[in-house]
Amino acid sequence: MGNCGEKPASQITDGDPGTTVSRQEVLAQLERILASPDFASAPKSRRFLQHVVEAGLADRDEEVSQQAIASKVLNRGTEFDPVSDPAVRMLASRVRRALRSYFLARGAGESVEIVLPKGTYRPRFQRPVPPTDRREPSAEDSSEIWPRILVMPFRNLTDDAACDYLAQGLAAELAIELSQHRETEILLGVGEEDPRNGEAAAGYEVRGTFTQNGKDVRVSVQVLRVARRQVVWGQSWSMPVPGPERGSFLGELVSSLAAMIAGNAVWWPGTCGSDFRSRRLLAMAPTKR
């Protein structure tokens, strides 16, 4: 794209000169994101992100409207009606989730973040913001870094290959949902034997399995205290058969698990009140079958 109208030097994200991000840095970060698995296999998401980033850098607000995105990204004609057709909104939601997933895992620690705030299709370019309200571990918990949680990839122990996708997706969605809670710092594990899991120095791990009992597929989730290899919480559910009900179940499961795990974060290092808090939050989970 041409340089006409583009900011030649930088984008200021919040008025603080210390957060200046150069155009070259943004484009280099965009290239890395587009090459990541979440985007490399999703051509519409790639086109969407590339379009809105380039439009944002050039201050072309008219190109980040639903009508413009529908035309230039989805090849829709003038008949596109953003009121009745949610195509752009749905694609934007997928891109937001993919960006969050990228910066939780592969892009963690990189110097530039590309964020697509809700309610707009104009991206924001910023430096990573370090947590400011994280509680330091006490001497009692000196062997742990808390509240840092490592969400490990869920394991599919069934004979159904379709559950591979569900297991991977459930762990990623849970990590993304947990990242919305200010009480916790979330990391996404990369594999059972990968040494990077240990380098994360997490205080807790979330692990899950898909198992089969006859025709019944069960989802089991455990939370472990890493230093002691102690299971502090665990539960399992029978998953509905494939169909709309299964999708609703998994979405509800992710939300309730995130609420339970993040909610108990303030209690696990100690003991006072933990039983009451756990019972209250478990009532939010899908019915155990």
C-alpha atoms as a PDB file:
ATOM      1  CA  MET A   1       0.000   0.000   0.000  1.00  0.00           C
ATOM      2  CA  GLY A   2       1.195   3.550  -0.605  1.00  0.00           C
ATOM      3  CA  ASN A   3       2.487   5.963   1.994  1.00  0.00           C
ATOM      4  CA  CYS A   4      -0.078   8.690   1.369  1.00  0.00           C
ATOM      5  CA  GLY A   5      -1.822   9.489   4.639  1.00  0.00           C
ATOM      6  CA  GLU A   6       0.253   7.058   6.676  1.00  0.00           C
ATOM      7  CA  LYS A   7       1.913   8.089   9.905  1.00  0.00           C
ATOM      8  CA  PRO A   8       5.580   8.077   8.886  1.00  0.00           C
ATOM      9  CA  ALA A   9       7.095   7.395  12.275  1.00  0.00           C
ATOM     10  CA  SER A  10       4.891   5.938  14.938  1.00  0.00           C
ATOM     11  CA  GLN A  11       1.545   5.260  16.544  1.00  0.00           C
ATOM     12  CA  ILE A  12       0.975   6.655  20.063  1.00  0.00           C
ATOM     13  CA  THR A  13      -1.312   4.305  21.939  1.00  0.00           C
ATOM     14  CA  ASP A  14      -2.221   6.205  25.095  1.00  0.00           C
ATOM     15  CA  GLY A  15      -0.501   9.572  25.090  1.00  0.00           C
ATOM     16  CA  ASP A  16       2.606   8.348  26.926  1.00  0.00           C
ATOM     17  CA  PRO A  17       5.731   8.806  24.761  1.00  0.00           C
ATOM     18  CA  GLY A  18       7.100   5.639  26.349  1.00  0.00           C
ATOM     19  CA  THR A  19       4.430   3.621  24.536  1.00  0.00           C
ATOM     20  CA  THR A  20       5.358   4.813  21.043  1.00  0.00           C
ATOM     21  CA  VAL A  21       5.369   1.936  18.563  1.00  0.00           C
ATOM     22  CA  SER A  22       6.940   2.437  15.147  1.00  0.00           C
ATOM     23  CA  ARG A  23       5.151   1.504  11.950  1.00  0.00           C
ATOM     24  CA  GLN A  24       8.002  -0.870  11.095  1.00  0.00           C
ATOM     25  CA  GLU A  25       7.549  -2.682  14.413  1.00  0.00           C
ATOM     26  CA  VAL A  26       3.823  -3.057  13.818  1.00  0.00           C
ATOM     27  CA  LEU A  27       4.317  -4.476  10.323  1.00  0.00           C
ATOM     28  CA  ALA A  28       6.987  -6.896  11.576  1.00  0.00           C
ATOM     29  CA  GLN A  29       4.646  -8.055  14.333  1.00  0.00           C
ATOM     30  CA  LEU A  30       1.811  -8.409  11.833  1.00  0.00           C
ATOM     31  CA  GLU A  31       4.011 -10.672   9.705  1.00  0.00           C
ATOM     32  CA  ARG A  32       4.776 -12.897  12.695  1.00  0.00           C
ATOM     33  CA  ILE A  33       1.104 -13.147  13.662  1.00  0.00           C
ATOM     34  CA  LEU A  34      -0.035 -13.970  10.133  1.00  0.00           C
ATOM     35  CA  ALA A  35       2.533 -16.783   9.998  1.00  0.00           C
ATOM     36  CA  SER A  36       1.253 -18.342  13.242  1.00  0.00           C
ATOM     37  CA  PRO A  37      -0.971 -21.467  13.070  1.00  0.00           C
ATOM     38  CA  ASP A  38      -4.175 -19.664  14.118  1.00  0.00           C
ATOM     39  CA  PHE A  39      -3.909 -17.354  11.110  1.00  0.00           C
ATOM     40  CA  ALA A  40      -1.912 -19.389   8.582  1.00  0.00           C
ATOM     41  CA  SER A  41      -4.822 -21.821   8.270  1.00  0.00           C
ATOM     42  CA  ALA A  42      -7.551 -19.139   8.273  1.00  0.00           C
ATOM     43  CA  PRO A  43      -7.363 -17.024   5.099  1.00  0.00           C
ATOM     44  CA  LYS A  44     -10.339 -14.814   6.003  1.00  0.00           C
ATOM     45  CA  SER A  45      -8.854 -13.988   9.396  1.00  0.00           C
ATOM     46  CA  ARG A  46      -5.525 -13.226   7.714  1.00  0.00           C
ATOM     47  CA  ARG A  47      -7.132 -10.861   5.215  1.00  0.00           C
ATOM     48  CA  PHE A  48      -9.196  -9.192   7.944  1.00  0.00           C
ATOM     49  CA  LEU A  49      -6.227  -8.523  10.221  1.00  0.00           C
ATOM     50  CA  GLN A  50      -3.951  -7.349   7.437  1.00  0.00           C
ATOM     51  CA  HIS A  51      -6.647  -5.013   6.115  1.00  0.00           C
ATOM     52  CA  VAL A  52      -7.511  -3.360   9.446  1.00  0.00           C
ATOM     53  CA  VAL A  53      -3.869  -3.019  10.527  1.00  0.00           C
ATOM     54  CA  GLU A  54      -2.849  -1.339   7.275  1.00  0.00           C
ATOM     55  CA  ALA A  55      -5.923   0.893   7.389  1.00  0.00           C
ATOM     56  CA  GLY A  56      -5.228   1.792  11.010  1.00  0.00           C
ATOM     57  CA  LEU A  57      -1.614   2.681  10.297  1.00  0.00           C
ATOM     58  CA  ALA A  58      -2.748   4.938   7.475  1.00  0.00           C
ATOM     59  CA  ASP A  59      -5.541   6.596   9.539  1.00  0.00           C
ATOM     60  CA  ARG A  60      -8.133   5.497   6.970  1.00  0.00           C
ATOM     61  CA  ASP A  61     -11.126   5.117   9.271  1.00  0.00           C
ATOM     62  CA  GLU A  62     -13.506   4.678   6.351  1.00  0.00           C
ATOM     63  CA  GLU A  63     -11.785   1.370   5.539  1.00  0.00           C
ATOM     64  CA  VAL A  64     -12.523  -0.175   8.939  1.00  0.00           C
ATOM     65  CA  SER A  65     -16.291   0.114   8.638  1.00  0.00           C
ATOM     66  CA  GLN A  66     -18.370  -3.062   8.314  1.00  0.00           C
ATOM     67  CA  GLN A  67     -19.290  -2.122   4.735  1.00  0.00           C
ATOM     68  CA  ALA A  68     -15.658  -1.638   3.686  1.00  0.00           C
ATOM     69  CA  ILE A  69     -14.500  -4.838   5.404  1.00  0.00           C
ATOM     70  CA  ALA A  70     -17.328  -6.817   3.815  1.00  0.00           C
ATOM     71  CA  SER A  71     -16.292  -5.527   0.404  1.00  0.00           C
ATOM     72  CA  LYS A  72     -12.496  -5.768   0.639  1.00  0.00           C
ATOM     73  CA  VAL A  73     -12.122  -8.810   2.894  1.00  0.00           C
ATOM     74  CA  LEU A  74     -15.227 -10.913   2.208  1.00  0.00           C
ATOM     75  CA  ASN A  75     -15.787  -9.826  -1.412  1.00  0.00           C
ATOM     76  CA  ARG A  76     -19.377  -8.811  -0.683  1.00  0.00           C
ATOM     77  CA  GLY A  77     -21.169  -6.414  -2.983  1.00  0.00           C
ATOM     78  CA  THR A  78     -23.218  -3.317  -2.294  1.00  0.00           C
ATOM     79  CA  GLU A  79     -26.131  -5.515  -1.248  1.00  0.00           C
ATOM     80  CA  PHE A  80     -24.347  -6.310   2.042  1.00  0.00           C
ATOM     81  CA  ASP A  81     -26.487  -5.241   5.009  1.00  0.00           C
ATOM     82  CA  PRO A  82     -24.511  -5.110   8.293  1.00  0.00           C
ATOM     83  CA  VAL A  83     -27.746  -4.994  10.300  1.00  0.00           C
ATOM     84  CA  SER A  84     -29.084  -8.329   9.081  1.00  0.00           C
ATOM     85  CA  ASP A  85     -25.798 -10.014   8.087  1.00  0.00           C
ATOM     86  CA  PRO A  86     -23.400 -10.722  11.026  1.00  0.00           C
ATOM     87  CA  ALA A  87     -20.529 -11.950   8.817  1.00  0.00           C
ATOM     88  CA  VAL A  88     -18.130  -9.110   9.682  1.00  0.00           C
ATOM     89  CA  ARG A  89     -18.970  -9.197  13.392  1.00  0.00           C
ATOM     90  CA  MET A  90     -18.450 -12.959  13.546  1.00  0.00           C
ATOM     91  CA  LEU A  91     -15.127 -12.736  11.707  1.00  0.00           C
ATOM     92  CA  ALA A  92     -13.964  -9.946  14.025  1.00  0.00           C
ATOM     93  CA  SER A  93     -14.792 -12.120  17.042  1.00  0.00           C
ATOM     94  CA  ARG A  94     -12.712 -14.974  15.624  1.00  0.00           C
ATOM     95  CA  VAL A  95      -9.791 -12.606  15.014  1.00  0.00           C
ATOM     96  CA  ARG A  96     -10.019 -11.233  18.573  1.00  0.00           C
ATOM     97  CA  ARG A  97      -9.912 -14.764  20.003  1.00  0.00           C
ATOM     98  CA  ALA A  98      -7.000 -15.732  17.738  1.00  0.00           C
ATOM     99  CA  LEU A  99      -5.027 -12.632  18.768  1.00  0.00           C
ATOM    100  CA  ARG A 100      -5.587 -13.350  22.458  1.00  0.00           C
ATOM    101  CA  SER A 101      -4.503 -16.951  21.903  1.00  0.00           C
ATOM    102  CA  TYR A 102      -1.362 -15.813  20.059  1.00  0.00           C
ATOM    103  CA  PHE A 103      -0.237 -13.416  22.794  1.00  0.00           C
ATOM    104  CA  LEU A 104      -0.952 -16.008  25.489  1.00  0.00           C
ATOM    105  CA  ALA A 105       1.317 -18.581  23.882  1.00  0.00           C
ATOM    106  CA  ARG A 106       3.587 -18.051  20.882  1.00  0.00           C
ATOM    107  CA  GLY A 107       3.642 -14.254  21.178  1.00  0.00           C
ATOM    108  CA  ALA A 108       4.063 -14.035  24.956  1.00  0.00           C
ATOM    109  CA  GLY A 109       6.873 -11.614  25.786  1.00  0.00           C
ATOM    110  CA  GLU A 110       7.037  -9.977  22.356  1.00  0.00           C
ATOM    111  CA  SER A 111       7.590  -6.217  22.381  1.00  0.00           C
ATOM    112  CA  VAL A 112       4.497  -5.148  20.420  1.00  0.00           C
ATOM    113  CA  GLU A 113       0.877  -6.179  20.820  1.00  0.00           C
ATOM    114  CA  ILE A 114      -1.842  -5.760  18.201  1.00  0.00           C
ATOM    115  CA  VAL A 115      -5.226  -5.555  19.916  1.00  0.00           C
ATOM    116  CA  LEU A 116      -8.681  -5.363  18.364  1.00  0.00           C
ATOM    117  CA  PRO A 117     -10.865  -3.741  21.055  1.00  0.00           C
ATOM    118  CA  LYS A 118     -14.501  -4.719  21.285  1.00  0.00           C
ATOM    119  CA  GLY A 119     -16.849  -2.247  19.643  1.00  0.00           C
ATOM    120  CA  THR A 120     -14.411  -1.178  16.935  1.00  0.00           C
ATOM    121  CA  TYR A 121     -12.592  -2.644  13.951  1.00  0.00           C
ATOM    122  CA  ARG A 122      -9.650  -0.260  14.287  1.00  0.00           C
ATOM    123  CA  PRO A 123      -6.724  -2.037  15.957  1.00  0.00           C
ATOM    124  CA  ARG A 124      -4.601  -0.643  18.756  1.00  0.00           C
ATOM    125  CA  PHE A 125      -0.805  -1.018  18.744  1.00  0.00           C
ATOM    126  CA  GLN A 126       0.805  -1.068  22.158  1.00  0.00           C
ATOM    127  CA  ARG A 127       3.605  -2.269  24.362  1.00  0.00           C
ATOM    128  CA  PRO A 128       2.690  -5.169  26.660  1.00  0.00           C
ATOM    129  CA  VAL A 129       1.342  -3.850  29.945  1.00  0.00           C
ATOM    130  CA  PRO A 130       2.941  -5.606  32.952  1.00  0.00           C
ATOM    131  CA  PRO A 131       0.551  -6.588  35.745  1.00  0.00           C
ATOM    132  CA  THR A 132       0.542  -4.008  38.556  1.00  0.00           C
ATOM    133  CA  ASP A 133      -1.618  -5.707  41.152  1.00  0.00           C
ATOM    134  CA  ARG A 134      -0.028  -9.167  41.395  1.00  0.00           C
ATOM    135  CA  ARG A 135       0.466 -10.441  44.950  1.00  0.00           C
ATOM    136  CA  GLU A 136       4.000 -11.562  45.716  1.00  0.00           C
ATOM    137  CA  PRO A 137       4.244 -15.120  47.079  1.00  0.00           C
ATOM    138  CA  SER A 138       4.674 -15.434  50.832  1.00  0.00           C
ATOM    139  CA  ALA A 139       7.589 -17.238  52.433  1.00  0.00           C
ATOM    140  CA  GLU A 140       5.283 -20.228  52.877  1.00  0.00           C
ATOM    141  CA  ASP A 141       4.767 -20.351  49.136  1.00  0.00           C
ATOM    142  CA  SER A 142       8.288 -19.304  48.125  1.00  0.00           C
ATOM    143  CA  SER A 143       8.641 -22.373  45.905  1.00  0.00           C
ATOM    144  CA  GLU A 144       5.669 -21.224  43.830  1.00  0.00           C
ATOM    145  CA  ILE A 145       4.900 -18.197  41.711  1.00  0.00           C
ATOM    146  CA  TRP A 146       1.261 -17.332  42.331  1.00  0.00           C
ATOM    147  CA  PRO A 147      -1.192 -16.530  40.883  1.00  0.00           C
ATOM    148  CA  ARG A 148       0.435 -17.957  37.743  1.00  0.00           C
ATOM    149  CA  ILE A 149      -1.466 -20.861  36.161  1.00  0.00           C
ATOM    150  CA  LEU A 150      -0.210 -23.117  33.390  1.00  0.00           C
ATOM    151  CA  VAL A 151      -3.037 -24.563  31.290  1.00  0.00           C
ATOM    152  CA  MET A 152      -1.733 -27.765  29.751  1.00  0.00           C
ATOM    153  CA  PRO A 153      -3.072 -29.138  26.444  1.00  0.00           C
ATOM    154  CA  PHE A 154      -5.917 -31.524  27.229  1.00  0.00           C
ATOM    155  CA  ARG A 155      -5.281 -35.183  26.308  1.00  0.00           C
ATOM    156  CA  ASN A 156      -7.621 -37.227  24.130  1.00  0.00           C
ATOM    157  CA  LEU A 157      -7.617 -40.806  25.435  1.00  0.00           C
ATOM    158  CA  THR A 158     -10.574 -41.922  23.322  1.00  0.00           C
ATOM    159  CA  ASP A 159     -10.559 -43.683  19.953  1.00  0.00           C
ATOM    160  CA  ASP A 160     -12.384 -40.742  18.370  1.00  0.00           C
ATOM    161  CA  ALA A 161      -9.985 -38.556  16.373  1.00  0.00           C
ATOM    162  CA  ALA A 162     -12.567 -35.731  16.405  1.00  0.00           C
ATOM    163  CA  CYS A 163     -11.878 -35.354  20.124  1.00  0.00           C
ATOM    164  CA  ASP A 164      -8.286 -34.288  19.323  1.00  0.00           C
ATOM    165  CA  TYR A 165      -9.643 -31.003  18.018  1.00  0.00           C
ATOM    166  CA  LEU A 166     -12.041 -30.623  20.954  1.00  0.00           C
ATOM    167  CA  ALA A 167      -9.299 -31.313  23.503  1.00  0.00           C
ATOM    168  CA  GLN A 168      -6.922 -28.756  21.991  1.00  0.00           C
ATOM    169  CA  GLY A 169      -9.668 -26.178  21.551  1.00  0.00           C
ATOM    170  CA  LEU A 170     -11.053 -26.569  25.071  1.00  0.00           C
ATOM    171  CA  ALA A 171      -7.654 -25.921  26.686  1.00  0.00           C
ATOM    172  CA  ALA A 172      -7.022 -22.871  24.486  1.00  0.00           C
ATOM    173  CA  GLU A 173     -10.489 -21.422  25.123  1.00  0.00           C
ATOM    174  CA  LEU A 174     -10.102 -21.989  28.866  1.00  0.00           C
ATOM    175  CA  ALA A 175      -6.756 -20.162  28.864  1.00  0.00           C
ATOM    176  CA  ILE A 176      -8.297 -17.247  26.971  1.00  0.00           C
ATOM    177  CA  GLU A 177     -11.277 -17.088  29.336  1.00  0.00           C
ATOM    178  CA  LEU A 178      -9.000 -17.218  32.389  1.00  0.00           C
ATOM    179  CA  SER A 179      -6.882 -14.383  30.995  1.00  0.00           C
ATOM    180  CA  GLN A 180      -9.883 -12.064  31.371  1.00  0.00           C
ATOM    181  CA  HIS A 181      -9.647 -12.389  35.170  1.00  0.00           C
ATOM    182  CA  ARG A 182      -7.307  -9.865  36.776  1.00  0.00           C
ATOM    183  CA  GLU A 183      -6.531 -12.218  39.677  1.00  0.00           C
ATOM    184  CA  THR A 184      -4.449 -14.578  37.578  1.00  0.00           C
ATOM    185  CA  GLU A 185      -1.568 -14.759  35.130  1.00  0.00           C
ATOM    186  CA  ILE A 186      -2.215 -17.449  32.534  1.00  0.00           C
ATOM    187  CA  LEU A 187       0.271 -19.401  30.424  1.00  0.00           C
ATOM    188  CA  LEU A 188      -0.572 -22.020  27.820  1.00  0.00           C
ATOM    189  CA  GLY A 189       1.462 -25.224  27.969  1.00  0.00           C
ATOM    190  CA  VAL A 190       3.133 -26.533  24.833  1.00  0.00           C
ATOM    191  CA  GLY A 191       3.395 -30.306  25.354  1.00  0.00           C
ATOM    192  CA  GLU A 192       3.716 -32.955  28.034  1.00  0.00           C
ATOM    193  CA  GLU A 193       7.522 -33.335  27.954  1.00  0.00           C
ATOM    194  CA  ASP A 194       8.475 -29.866  26.734  1.00  0.00           C
ATOM    195  CA  PRO A 195      11.010 -28.247  29.137  1.00  0.00           C
ATOM    196  CA  ARG A 196       9.405 -24.837  28.582  1.00  0.00           C
ATOM    197  CA  ASN A 197       6.555 -25.927  30.857  1.00  0.00           C
ATOM    198  CA  GLY A 198       8.961 -26.099  33.792  1.00  0.00           C
ATOM    199  CA  GLU A 199      10.534 -22.786  32.848  1.00  0.00           C
ATOM    200  CA  ALA A 200       7.116 -21.160  33.250  1.00  0.00           C
ATOM    201  CA  ALA A 201       7.534 -21.568  37.047  1.00  0.00           C
ATOM    202  CA  ALA A 202       3.782 -21.711  37.530  1.00  0.00           C
ATOM    203  CA  GLY A 203       2.268 -22.255  40.938  1.00  0.00           C
ATOM    204  CA  TYR A 204      -0.622 -24.303  39.554  1.00  0.00           C
ATOM    205  CA  GLU A 205      -1.429 -26.394  36.501  1.00  0.00           C
ATOM    206  CA  VAL A 206      -4.769 -27.155  34.893  1.00  0.00           C
ATOM    207  CA  ARG A 207      -4.923 -30.540  33.176  1.00  0.00           C
ATOM    208  CA  GLY A 208      -7.758 -32.267  31.370  1.00  0.00           C
ATOM    209  CA  THR A 209      -8.563 -35.533  29.621  1.00  0.00           C
ATOM    210  CA  PHE A 210     -11.202 -36.904  27.273  1.00  0.00           C
ATOM    211  CA  THR A 211     -11.957 -40.549  28.099  1.00  0.00           C
ATOM    212  CA  GLN A 212     -14.465 -43.080  26.775  1.00  0.00           C
ATOM    213  CA  ASN A 213     -16.720 -45.455  28.681  1.00  0.00           C
ATOM    214  CA  GLY A 214     -18.775 -47.345  26.115  1.00  0.00           C
ATOM    215  CA  LYS A 215     -20.528 -44.680  24.059  1.00  0.00           C
ATOM    216  CA  ASP A 216     -20.075 -42.107  26.797  1.00  0.00           C
ATOM    217  CA  VAL A 217     -17.298 -39.486  26.386  1.00  0.00           C
ATOM    218  CA  ARG A 218     -16.262 -37.813  29.624  1.00  0.00           C
ATOM    219  CA  VAL A 219     -14.327 -34.596  30.172  1.00  0.00           C
ATOM    220  CA  SER A 220     -12.213 -34.570  33.331  1.00  0.00           C
ATOM    221  CA  VAL A 221     -10.388 -31.497  34.656  1.00  0.00           C
ATOM    222  CA  GLN A 222      -7.902 -31.279  37.514  1.00  0.00           C
ATOM    223  CA  VAL A 223      -6.044 -28.401  39.144  1.00  0.00           C
ATOM    224  CA  LEU A 224      -2.659 -29.342  40.604  1.00  0.00           C
ATOM    225  CA  ARG A 225      -0.399 -27.467  43.002  1.00  0.00           C
ATOM    226  CA  VAL A 226       2.897 -27.820  41.153  1.00  0.00           C
ATOM    227  CA  ALA A 227       5.401 -27.807  44.048  1.00  0.00           C
ATOM    228  CA  ARG A 228       3.657 -30.670  45.829  1.00  0.00           C
ATOM    229  CA  ARG A 229       2.062 -32.363  42.802  1.00  0.00           C
ATOM    230  CA  GLN A 230      -1.123 -32.121  44.862  1.00  0.00           C
ATOM    231  CA  VAL A 231      -4.570 -32.247  43.249  1.00  0.00           C
ATOM    232  CA  VAL A 232      -6.481 -29.348  44.813  1.00  0.00           C
ATOM    233  CA  TRP A 233      -9.614 -29.740  42.721  1.00  0.00           C
ATOM    234  CA  GLY A 234     -11.042 -32.114  40.137  1.00  0.00           C
ATOM    235  CA  GLN A 235     -14.322 -32.947  38.458  1.00  0.00           C
ATOM    236  CA  SER A 236     -15.643 -34.769  35.387  1.00  0.00           C
ATOM    237  CA  TRP A 237     -18.650 -34.427  33.134  1.00  0.00           C
ATOM    238  CA  SER A 238     -20.381 -36.588  30.558  1.00  0.00           C
ATOM    239  CA  MET A 239     -20.305 -34.785  27.223  1.00  0.00           C
ATOM    240  CA  PRO A 240     -23.475 -34.628  25.077  1.00  0.00           C
ATOM    241  CA  VAL A 241     -23.513 -36.345  21.689  1.00  0.00           C
ATOM    242  CA  PRO A 242     -22.265 -34.275  18.712  1.00  0.00           C
ATOM    243  CA  GLY A 243     -24.643 -31.447  17.861  1.00  0.00           C
ATOM    244  CA  PRO A 244     -25.737 -27.996  19.077  1.00  0.00           C
ATOM    245  CA  GLU A 245     -26.116 -29.229  22.665  1.00  0.00           C
ATOM    246  CA  ARG A 246     -22.454 -30.276  22.779  1.00  0.00           C
ATOM    247  CA  GLY A 247     -21.317 -26.828  21.619  1.00  0.00           C
ATOM    248  CA  SER A 248     -23.442 -25.125  24.271  1.00  0.00           C
ATOM    249  CA  PHE A 249     -22.168 -27.512  26.929  1.00  0.00           C
ATOM    250  CA  LEU A 250     -18.503 -26.870  26.106  1.00  0.00           C
ATOM    251  CA  GLY A 251     -19.010 -23.089  26.060  1.00  0.00           C
ATOM    252  CA  GLU A 252     -20.740 -23.209  29.445  1.00  0.00           C
ATOM    253  CA  LEU A 253     -18.036 -25.513  30.796  1.00  0.00           C
ATOM    254  CA  VAL A 254     -15.258 -23.103  29.809  1.00  0.00           C
ATOM    255  CA  SER A 255     -17.014 -20.141  31.472  1.00  0.00           C
ATOM    256  CA  SER A 256     -17.794 -21.979  34.703  1.00  0.00           C
ATOM    257  CA  LEU A 257     -14.313 -23.523  34.969  1.00  0.00           C
ATOM    258  CA  ALA A 258     -12.685 -20.108  34.501  1.00  0.00           C
ATOM    259  CA  ALA A 259     -14.933 -18.598  37.184  1.00  0.00           C
ATOM    260  CA  MET A 260     -14.130 -21.426  39.598  1.00  0.00           C
ATOM    261  CA  ILE A 261     -10.366 -21.385  39.016  1.00  0.00           C
ATOM    262  CA  ALA A 262      -9.931 -17.593  39.059  1.00  0.00           C
ATOM    263  CA  GLY A 263     -12.332 -17.242  41.982  1.00  0.00           C
ATOM    264  CA  ASN A 264     -10.403 -19.704  44.113  1.00  0.00           C
ATOM    265  CA  ALA A 265      -7.091 -18.013  43.271  1.00  0.00           C
ATOM    266  CA  VAL A 266      -7.287 -15.804  46.362  1.00  0.00           C
ATOM    267  CA  TRP A 267      -7.859 -18.820  48.625  1.00  0.00           C
ATOM    268  CA  TRP A 268      -5.610 -21.678  47.444  1.00  0.00           C
ATOM    269  CA  PRO A 269      -2.327 -20.440  48.940  1.00  0.00           C
ATOM    270  CA  GLY A 270      -4.027 -20.434  52.389  1.00  0.00           C
ATOM    271  CA  THR A 271      -6.876 -22.347  53.957  1.00  0.00           C
ATOM    272  CA  CYS A 272      -9.353 -19.900  55.468  1.00  0.00           C
ATOM    273  CA  GLY A 273     -12.666 -19.926  53.671  1.00  0.00           C
ATOM    274  CA  SER A 274     -11.572 -22.192  50.831  1.00  0.00           C
ATOM    275  CA  ASP A 275     -14.307 -24.803  51.297  1.00  0.00           C
ATOM    276  CA  PHE A 276     -17.114 -22.260  51.256  1.00  0.00           C
ATOM    277  CA  ARG A 277     -15.788 -20.411  48.210  1.00  0.00           C
ATOM    278  CA  SER A 278     -15.256 -23.649  46.278  1.00  0.00           C
ATOM    279  CA  ARG A 279     -18.783 -24.931  46.960  1.00  0.00           C
ATOM    280  CA  ARG A 280     -20.336 -21.649  45.896  1.00  0.00           C
ATOM    281  CA  LEU A 281     -18.482 -21.562  42.579  1.00  0.00           C
ATOM    282  CA  LEU A 282     -18.974 -25.249  41.797  1.00  0.00           C
ATOM    283  CA  ALA A 283     -22.712 -24.583  41.790  1.00  0.00           C
ATOM    284  CA  MET A 284     -22.106 -22.489  38.649  1.00  0.00           C
ATOM    285  CA  ALA A 285     -20.623 -25.423  36.720  1.00  0.00           C
ATOM    286  CA  PRO A 286     -22.643 -27.565  34.291  1.00  0.00           C
ATOM    287  CA  THR A 287     -24.558 -30.314  36.009  1.00  0.00           C
ATOM    288  CA  LYS A 288     -22.298 -33.275  36.761  1.00  0.00           C
ATOM    289  CA  ARG A 289     -23.582 -36.345  34.922  1.00  0.00           C
END
